[in-house]
Each structure stands twice: as structure tokens, then as C-alpha cells.
């Protein structure tokens, strides 16, 4: 499901916006509970991370390109479209039901972290 701007901002408030940034598109992982960093960058690794930290449930895909809308998907579909997702130079996958965010940038591997609880 393509998200409206309001839905996009609401999901971003629950995930991306809870991290600081480094530069214009990278998240600052300092102070976050980083679950895993990988150097692997392929569809199989993305599927593994989604399965390990999410299993089923709702996912939100935030492409780094603001011209491409964010989408909400069943996490099972992330695996089906993993190759296409990896065509994005940068992207974040929010595992909504599990409070985990996965980031990938320019083929540099993945970072999976718990989304910080506001406090």
C-alpha cells in the first residue's frame, strides 16, 4: 500500500525520526541498540535480517529518493521484492511490529537496530 504523506510522516516519527543523522542521509547509530552490522549486500542477506528480526507483520519501506513514495507491506513481500529494493541507493525498512529498523546505503551492507523509545 502506498502511504500518503501523513502516513509516511507518522511512520517516520515512529522510526527514522528517532535517530540522529550523519550527513544528509545516514542515520547516527550512536546510542542505539545495534543488533547487527553486515558487510553482505544482497537479497538473501536482506531476507535473512527481515526474517530474524521481524518474521511476519507489517513493514514500511522508506526509499531515500523522495520522488518514490514509502510503502507499507507485509514483511513476507520484502523477501519477494528484495532484489528491487536493493536497486535503491539508500533505503530503510521499518519492521513495525518488532520495533526494528534496517538501513542500507550504496551497497555497503546492512545495519539493523532497535528503534529508540522516546524518553
C-alpha atoms as a PDB file:
ATOM      1  CA  UNK A   1       0.000   0.000   0.000  1.00  0.00           C
ATOM      2  CA  UNK A   2       1.439   3.387  -0.997  1.00  0.00           C
ATOM      3  CA  UNK A   3       1.475   5.700   2.012  1.00  0.00           C
ATOM      4  CA  UNK A   4       0.050   9.189   1.988  1.00  0.00           C
ATOM      5  CA  UNK A   5       2.320  11.989   3.145  1.00  0.00           C
ATOM      6  CA  UNK A   6       0.595  11.969   6.543  1.00  0.00           C
ATOM      7  CA  UNK A   7       1.018   8.208   6.916  1.00  0.00           C
ATOM      8  CA  UNK A   8       4.651   8.461   5.814  1.00  0.00           C
ATOM      9  CA  UNK A   9       5.340  11.140   8.424  1.00  0.00           C
ATOM     10  CA  UNK A  10       3.527   9.159  11.138  1.00  0.00           C
ATOM     11  CA  UNK A  11       5.621   6.030  10.476  1.00  0.00           C
ATOM     12  CA  UNK A  12       8.789   8.133  10.194  1.00  0.00           C
ATOM     13  CA  UNK A  13       8.016   9.590  13.636  1.00  0.00           C
ATOM     14  CA  UNK A  14       7.953   6.037  14.998  1.00  0.00           C
ATOM     15  CA  UNK A  15      11.227   5.033  13.351  1.00  0.00           C
ATOM     16  CA  UNK A  16      13.587   7.186  11.241  1.00  0.00           C
ATOM     17  CA  UNK A  17      12.995  10.389  13.178  1.00  0.00           C
ATOM     18  CA  UNK A  18      14.053   8.770  16.451  1.00  0.00           C
ATOM     19  CA  UNK A  19      17.652   8.617  15.223  1.00  0.00           C
ATOM     20  CA  UNK A  20      20.011  11.499  14.673  1.00  0.00           C
ATOM     21  CA  UNK A  21      21.658  11.861  11.304  1.00  0.00           C
ATOM     22  CA  UNK A  22      25.185  11.921   9.987  1.00  0.00           C
ATOM     23  CA  UNK A  23      25.355  13.950   6.814  1.00  0.00           C
ATOM     24  CA  UNK A  24      22.258  14.188   4.711  1.00  0.00           C
ATOM     25  CA  UNK A  25      21.024  10.584   4.567  1.00  0.00           C
ATOM     26  CA  UNK A  26      22.872   8.383   7.059  1.00  0.00           C
ATOM     27  CA  UNK A  27      21.448   7.608  10.451  1.00  0.00           C
ATOM     28  CA  UNK A  28      23.546   8.088  13.569  1.00  0.00           C
ATOM     29  CA  UNK A  29      23.595   4.746  15.328  1.00  0.00           C
ATOM     30  CA  UNK A  30      25.417   6.007  18.441  1.00  0.00           C
ATOM     31  CA  UNK A  31      23.286   5.402  21.489  1.00  0.00           C
ATOM     32  CA  UNK A  32      21.065   2.947  19.601  1.00  0.00           C
ATOM     33  CA  UNK A  33      20.887  -0.771  20.276  1.00  0.00           C
ATOM     34  CA  UNK A  34      22.539  -2.016  17.086  1.00  0.00           C
ATOM     35  CA  UNK A  35      21.518  -5.626  16.645  1.00  0.00           C
ATOM     36  CA  UNK A  36      23.748  -6.397  13.687  1.00  0.00           C
ATOM     37  CA  UNK A  37      26.017  -4.854  11.061  1.00  0.00           C
ATOM     38  CA  UNK A  38      26.750  -6.871   7.965  1.00  0.00           C
ATOM     39  CA  UNK A  39      29.097  -6.430   5.069  1.00  0.00           C
ATOM     40  CA  UNK A  40      26.953  -8.677   2.894  1.00  0.00           C
ATOM     41  CA  UNK A  41      24.744  -6.770   0.487  1.00  0.00           C
ATOM     42  CA  UNK A  42      22.367  -8.986  -1.400  1.00  0.00           C
ATOM     43  CA  UNK A  43      18.744 -10.086  -1.428  1.00  0.00           C
ATOM     44  CA  UNK A  44      19.474 -13.193   0.636  1.00  0.00           C
ATOM     45  CA  UNK A  45      21.017 -11.114   3.433  1.00  0.00           C
ATOM     46  CA  UNK A  46      18.090  -8.669   3.465  1.00  0.00           C
ATOM     47  CA  UNK A  47      15.672 -11.608   3.640  1.00  0.00           C
ATOM     48  CA  UNK A  48      17.672 -13.140   6.483  1.00  0.00           C
ATOM     49  CA  UNK A  49      17.628  -9.917   8.501  1.00  0.00           C
ATOM     50  CA  UNK A  50      13.906  -9.377   7.963  1.00  0.00           C
ATOM     51  CA  UNK A  51      13.224 -12.978   8.960  1.00  0.00           C
ATOM     52  CA  UNK A  52      15.486 -12.892  12.002  1.00  0.00           C
ATOM     53  CA  UNK A  53      14.352  -9.574  13.428  1.00  0.00           C
ATOM     54  CA  UNK A  54      10.845  -9.369  12.044  1.00  0.00           C
ATOM     55  CA  UNK A  55       9.356 -12.647  10.989  1.00  0.00           C
ATOM     56  CA  UNK A  56       5.858 -11.637   9.978  1.00  0.00           C
ATOM     57  CA  UNK A  57       3.905  -8.475  10.391  1.00  0.00           C
ATOM     58  CA  UNK A  58       3.904  -5.042   8.874  1.00  0.00           C
ATOM     59  CA  UNK A  59       6.888  -3.391   7.244  1.00  0.00           C
ATOM     60  CA  UNK A  60       7.352   0.131   5.945  1.00  0.00           C
ATOM     61  CA  UNK A  61       9.883   0.747   3.202  1.00  0.00           C
ATOM     62  CA  UNK A  62      11.310   4.279   3.097  1.00  0.00           C
ATOM     63  CA  UNK A  63      13.312   4.856  -0.113  1.00  0.00           C
ATOM     64  CA  UNK A  64      15.990   7.545   0.082  1.00  0.00           C
ATOM     65  CA  UNK A  65      14.628   9.134  -3.089  1.00  0.00           C
ATOM     66  CA  UNK A  66      11.825  11.485  -2.089  1.00  0.00           C
ATOM     67  CA  UNK A  67      10.252  11.065  -5.537  1.00  0.00           C
ATOM     68  CA  UNK A  68       9.497   7.441  -4.688  1.00  0.00           C
ATOM     69  CA  UNK A  69       6.689   7.015  -2.144  1.00  0.00           C
ATOM     70  CA  UNK A  70       7.035   4.993   1.012  1.00  0.00           C
ATOM     71  CA  UNK A  71       5.020   1.793   1.119  1.00  0.00           C
ATOM     72  CA  UNK A  72       3.556  -0.417   3.815  1.00  0.00           C
ATOM     73  CA  UNK A  73       3.859  -4.128   3.073  1.00  0.00           C
ATOM     74  CA  UNK A  74       3.519  -7.497   4.694  1.00  0.00           C
ATOM     75  CA  UNK A  75       7.090  -8.423   5.632  1.00  0.00           C
ATOM     76  CA  UNK A  76       6.786 -11.586   3.540  1.00  0.00           C
ATOM     77  CA  UNK A  77       6.712  -9.313   0.473  1.00  0.00           C
ATOM     78  CA  UNK A  78      10.047  -7.738   1.376  1.00  0.00           C
ATOM     79  CA  UNK A  79      11.647 -11.054   0.501  1.00  0.00           C
ATOM     80  CA  UNK A  80       9.771 -11.284  -2.773  1.00  0.00           C
ATOM     81  CA  UNK A  81      10.943  -7.801  -3.789  1.00  0.00           C
ATOM     82  CA  UNK A  82      14.357  -7.756  -2.118  1.00  0.00           C
ATOM     83  CA  UNK A  83      16.275  -7.524  -5.412  1.00  0.00           C
ATOM     84  CA  UNK A  84      14.244  -4.494  -6.500  1.00  0.00           C
ATOM     85  CA  UNK A  85      14.684  -2.819  -3.108  1.00  0.00           C
ATOM     86  CA  UNK A  86      18.436  -3.182  -3.366  1.00  0.00           C
ATOM     87  CA  UNK A  87      18.361  -1.132  -6.561  1.00  0.00           C
ATOM     88  CA  UNK A  88      17.708   1.920  -4.354  1.00  0.00           C
ATOM     89  CA  UNK A  89      20.929   3.757  -3.429  1.00  0.00           C
ATOM     90  CA  UNK A  90      19.663   4.046   0.137  1.00  0.00           C
ATOM     91  CA  UNK A  91      16.626   2.616   1.840  1.00  0.00           C
ATOM     92  CA  UNK A  92      15.234   1.852   5.272  1.00  0.00           C
ATOM     93  CA  UNK A  93      12.897  -0.981   6.187  1.00  0.00           C
ATOM     94  CA  UNK A  94      10.959  -0.478   9.417  1.00  0.00           C
ATOM     95  CA  UNK A  95       9.750  -3.726  10.987  1.00  0.00           C
ATOM     96  CA  UNK A  96       6.761  -2.065  12.627  1.00  0.00           C
ATOM     97  CA  UNK A  97       5.552  -4.868  14.879  1.00  0.00           C
ATOM     98  CA  UNK A  98       9.075  -5.534  16.151  1.00  0.00           C
ATOM     99  CA  UNK A  99      10.478  -2.004  16.562  1.00  0.00           C
ATOM    100  CA  UNK A 100      13.496  -2.674  14.351  1.00  0.00           C
ATOM    101  CA  UNK A 101      14.893  -0.538  11.548  1.00  0.00           C
ATOM    102  CA  UNK A 102      17.174  -1.889   8.807  1.00  0.00           C
ATOM    103  CA  UNK A 103      19.279   0.564   6.801  1.00  0.00           C
ATOM    104  CA  UNK A 104      21.266   0.001   3.643  1.00  0.00           C
ATOM    105  CA  UNK A 105      23.270   2.507   1.643  1.00  0.00           C
ATOM    106  CA  UNK A 106      25.056   2.183  -1.681  1.00  0.00           C
ATOM    107  CA  UNK A 107      25.900  -1.483  -1.359  1.00  0.00           C
ATOM    108  CA  UNK A 108      27.774  -1.035   1.935  1.00  0.00           C
ATOM    109  CA  UNK A 109      25.931  -3.720   3.839  1.00  0.00           C
ATOM    110  CA  UNK A 110      23.110  -3.506   6.351  1.00  0.00           C
ATOM    111  CA  UNK A 111      22.605  -2.145   9.830  1.00  0.00           C
ATOM    112  CA  UNK A 112      19.742  -3.470  11.938  1.00  0.00           C
ATOM    113  CA  UNK A 113      18.885  -1.655  15.167  1.00  0.00           C
ATOM    114  CA  UNK A 114      16.108  -1.299  17.689  1.00  0.00           C
ATOM    115  CA  UNK A 115      14.251   1.938  17.319  1.00  0.00           C
ATOM    116  CA  UNK A 116      14.900   4.048  20.429  1.00  0.00           C
ATOM    117  CA  UNK A 117      11.984   4.639  22.742  1.00  0.00           C
ATOM    118  CA  UNK A 118      11.402   8.358  23.256  1.00  0.00           C
ATOM    119  CA  UNK A 119      12.322   9.415  26.703  1.00  0.00           C
END
